[in-house]
Amino acid sequence: MNLCLALAMLLGTPAAPPADLVAVLPARGPHPSLGHHADLFGRFVGAWDADYSFIAEDGSVRHKRGEVLFGWILDGYALQDIFLSYPTPGSTDERKMVTGVRFVDPKTDKWTVMFAAPSFAAAVRMEGGAEGDRIVLRGRDDKGNLLRWSFNDIRPASFVWRGETSYDGGKTWRLEEEHHMTRRGEAASARAGSGR
């Protein structure tokens, strides 16, 4: 039995997968029970143009263009992001897409992020929150290496996302990704100021 049909049976309503699944996922904003805790990531809701930089071990940098979409889901209890990268013009590359679902525990103000990248066969759980004027999330990759993902230089219309890995238990960190995001559109910029 598929997930949509099972949910529909539980709720006592007919299902029209996948349309019903997609229709019920988004939320208009954060759930009121989250209060000010929603603002930490809520300020990113909207569409962002992305300049992705992937830094190899030898220091060489590979750039890709793309976009990032943030929006509230699951009745406003969680926020989802989708990172898309576009194929290089003239290449046979496919578009790449990864996603994260994040939620906050209002009692501890700790955020948990469940990251999924099926095209890369990767899944990661990260936890963290505000550290000074940035957001820092920590976790481990599938090999047990420490990960540190951070949102830096946060402004209403831009931010920088960094992905670092420690291969020696946190003694040193290697910057592997640095992505510069610019908010798309003036109307979106005005909404960002409200945090919702």
Protein backbone atom coordinates (compact mmCIF):
# COMPACT_ATOMS: atom_id res chain seq x y z
CA MET A 1 0.00 0.00 0.00
CA ASN A 2 1.43 3.40 -0.88
CA LEU A 3 1.97 6.15 1.69
CA CYS A 4 -0.69 8.50 0.32
CA LEU A 5 -3.37 5.80 0.34
CA ALA A 6 -2.42 4.71 3.87
CA LEU A 7 -2.61 8.30 5.14
CA ALA A 8 -5.92 8.83 3.41
CA MET A 9 -7.36 5.69 5.01
CA LEU A 10 -6.15 6.85 8.43
CA LEU A 11 -7.67 10.28 7.93
CA GLY A 12 -10.83 8.91 6.34
CA THR A 13 -10.44 10.88 3.11
CA PRO A 14 -9.92 9.68 -0.43
CA ALA A 15 -6.41 10.09 -1.85
CA ALA A 16 -5.29 11.22 -5.26
CA PRO A 17 -1.54 10.54 -5.09
CA PRO A 18 0.76 12.26 -5.66
CA ALA A 19 -1.28 15.47 -5.86
CA ASP A 20 -2.68 15.13 -2.32
CA LEU A 21 0.77 14.53 -0.86
CA VAL A 22 2.14 17.65 -2.52
CA ALA A 23 -0.97 19.69 -1.62
CA VAL A 24 -0.85 18.96 2.12
CA LEU A 25 2.92 19.32 2.62
CA PRO A 26 3.32 23.16 2.50
CA ALA A 27 2.29 25.43 5.37
CA ARG A 28 1.56 29.17 5.21
CA GLY A 29 4.04 29.88 8.00
CA PRO A 30 5.44 28.54 11.24
CA HIS A 31 3.13 26.91 13.77
CA PRO A 32 2.22 29.43 16.52
CA SER A 33 3.63 27.09 19.18
CA LEU A 34 7.15 27.71 17.83
CA GLY A 35 7.00 31.41 18.72
CA HIS A 36 10.26 33.32 18.24
CA HIS A 37 12.17 30.03 17.80
CA ALA A 38 10.87 29.86 14.22
CA ASP A 39 12.70 33.06 13.29
CA LEU A 40 16.21 31.55 13.24
CA PHE A 41 15.56 29.66 9.99
CA GLY A 42 12.23 31.31 9.09
CA ARG A 43 14.11 34.33 7.74
CA PHE A 44 15.33 32.18 4.84
CA VAL A 45 11.85 31.36 3.51
CA GLY A 46 11.72 32.12 -0.21
CA ALA A 47 13.84 31.60 -3.29
CA TRP A 48 17.60 32.23 -3.49
CA ASP A 49 19.98 32.27 -6.42
CA ALA A 50 23.04 30.18 -5.62
CA ASP A 51 26.70 30.33 -6.61
CA TYR A 52 28.03 26.98 -5.39
CA SER A 53 31.75 26.42 -4.82
CA PHE A 54 33.14 22.93 -4.24
CA ILE A 55 36.72 22.93 -2.96
CA ALA A 56 38.89 19.90 -3.75
CA GLU A 57 41.67 18.63 -1.50
CA ASP A 58 44.28 20.22 -3.79
CA GLY A 59 42.57 23.63 -3.39
CA SER A 60 41.01 23.75 -6.84
CA VAL A 61 37.45 25.09 -6.93
CA ARG A 62 34.56 23.89 -9.08
CA HIS A 63 31.66 26.34 -9.49
CA LYS A 64 28.02 25.55 -10.24
CA ARG A 65 24.95 27.78 -10.52
CA GLY A 66 21.63 26.91 -8.98
CA GLU A 67 18.93 27.92 -6.57
CA VAL A 68 17.76 27.21 -3.05
CA LEU A 69 14.13 27.15 -1.95
CA PHE A 70 13.01 27.36 1.70
CA GLY A 71 9.44 26.89 2.92
CA TRP A 72 7.40 25.82 5.92
CA ILE A 73 5.86 22.33 5.81
CA LEU A 74 3.99 19.84 8.02
CA ASP A 75 1.50 22.35 9.48
CA GLY A 76 4.35 24.76 10.18
CA TYR A 77 6.26 22.46 12.53
CA ALA A 78 9.16 22.03 10.09
CA LEU A 79 11.02 23.96 7.41
CA GLN A 80 12.21 22.31 4.20
CA ASP A 81 14.96 23.45 1.89
CA ILE A 82 15.73 22.22 -1.60
CA PHE A 83 19.17 22.88 -3.07
CA LEU A 84 19.19 22.60 -6.89
CA SER A 85 22.21 22.82 -9.16
CA TYR A 86 21.87 23.36 -12.89
CA PRO A 87 23.81 21.40 -15.51
CA THR A 88 26.72 23.21 -17.12
CA PRO A 89 25.58 24.49 -20.55
CA GLY A 90 26.62 22.08 -23.29
CA SER A 91 27.25 19.20 -20.86
CA THR A 92 25.33 15.96 -20.45
CA ASP A 93 25.05 16.53 -16.69
CA GLU A 94 21.66 16.25 -15.04
CA ARG A 95 20.16 18.71 -12.60
CA LYS A 96 21.09 17.76 -9.02
CA MET A 97 18.70 18.15 -6.12
CA VAL A 98 19.13 17.61 -2.37
CA THR A 99 16.81 18.46 0.50
CA GLY A 100 16.77 19.06 4.21
CA VAL A 101 13.92 19.05 6.70
CA ARG A 102 14.60 21.00 9.87
CA PHE A 103 12.62 21.43 13.06
CA VAL A 104 13.20 23.10 16.42
CA ASP A 105 12.57 21.96 19.98
CA PRO A 106 11.21 25.17 21.58
CA LYS A 107 12.23 23.92 25.06
CA THR A 108 15.94 23.72 24.15
CA ASP A 109 16.06 25.99 21.07
CA LYS A 110 18.02 23.18 19.35
CA TRP A 111 17.38 22.58 15.66
CA THR A 112 17.59 19.13 14.06
CA VAL A 113 18.15 18.81 10.32
CA MET A 114 17.53 15.62 8.37
CA PHE A 115 19.41 15.92 5.07
CA ALA A 116 18.76 13.62 2.10
CA ALA A 117 20.67 13.47 -1.17
CA PRO A 118 19.36 10.36 -2.95
CA SER A 119 21.32 11.03 -6.17
CA PHE A 120 24.51 10.92 -4.06
CA ALA A 121 23.30 8.03 -1.84
CA ALA A 122 23.75 10.26 1.23
CA ALA A 123 21.73 10.98 4.35
CA VAL A 124 22.91 13.03 7.33
CA ARG A 125 21.45 14.18 10.65
CA MET A 126 22.73 17.52 11.96
CA GLU A 127 21.94 19.45 15.15
CA GLY A 128 22.67 22.96 16.36
CA GLY A 129 21.48 26.51 16.36
CA ALA A 130 22.60 30.11 16.71
CA GLU A 131 26.23 30.75 17.63
CA GLY A 132 26.85 34.47 17.76
CA ASP A 133 25.71 36.00 14.48
CA ARG A 134 25.77 32.71 12.55
CA ILE A 135 23.98 29.37 12.59
CA VAL A 136 26.08 26.25 13.12
CA LEU A 137 24.94 22.64 12.69
CA ARG A 138 27.06 19.62 13.62
CA GLY A 139 26.87 15.94 12.75
CA ARG A 140 28.79 13.05 11.20
CA ASP A 141 29.04 11.67 7.70
CA ASP A 142 28.52 7.98 6.88
CA LYS A 143 32.21 7.30 7.60
CA GLY A 144 32.03 8.85 11.07
CA ASN A 145 33.88 12.07 10.15
CA LEU A 146 32.72 15.22 11.91
CA LEU A 147 30.69 17.68 9.84
CA ARG A 148 30.10 21.37 10.49
CA TRP A 149 27.61 23.27 8.34
CA SER A 150 27.16 26.98 8.91
CA PHE A 151 25.14 29.95 7.71
CA ASN A 152 27.41 33.01 7.75
CA ASP A 153 27.30 36.72 6.86
CA ILE A 154 23.51 36.58 7.14
CA ARG A 155 21.75 39.63 5.66
CA PRO A 156 18.12 40.08 4.52
CA ALA A 157 19.16 39.56 0.88
CA SER A 158 22.22 37.27 1.15
CA PHE A 159 24.09 34.67 3.17
CA VAL A 160 27.04 32.31 2.81
CA TRP A 161 26.68 28.58 3.54
CA ARG A 162 29.83 26.64 4.43
CA GLY A 163 30.34 22.90 4.69
CA GLU A 164 33.41 21.70 6.59
CA THR A 165 34.68 18.22 7.48
CA SER A 166 37.14 17.11 10.13
CA TYR A 167 39.04 13.92 9.37
CA ASP A 168 40.94 13.96 12.69
CA GLY A 169 38.21 14.14 15.32
CA GLY A 170 37.85 17.94 15.30
CA LYS A 171 41.50 18.97 15.57
CA THR A 172 41.45 20.52 12.11
CA TRP A 173 38.68 21.37 9.67
CA ARG A 174 38.72 21.40 5.87
CA LEU A 175 36.39 23.76 3.99
CA GLU A 176 34.83 21.64 1.23
CA GLU A 177 31.88 23.77 0.14
CA GLU A 178 31.14 27.50 0.19
CA HIS A 179 27.90 28.66 -1.36
CA HIS A 180 26.92 32.31 -1.82
CA MET A 181 23.16 32.90 -1.83
CA THR A 182 21.29 36.00 -3.03
CA ARG A 183 17.58 36.41 -2.37
CA ARG A 184 15.48 36.48 -5.50
CA GLY A 185 13.17 39.49 -5.98
CA GLU A 186 12.38 42.66 -4.02
CA ALA A 187 9.01 41.41 -2.72
CA ALA A 188 10.76 38.40 -1.20
CA SER A 189 13.30 40.72 0.42
CA ALA A 190 10.54 42.69 2.15
CA ARG A 191 9.02 39.44 3.51
CA ALA A 192 12.41 38.39 4.89
CA GLY A 193 12.44 41.36 7.22
CA SER A 194 9.35 40.01 8.99
CA GLY A 195 11.00 36.61 9.59
CA ARG A 196 7.96 34.82 8.22
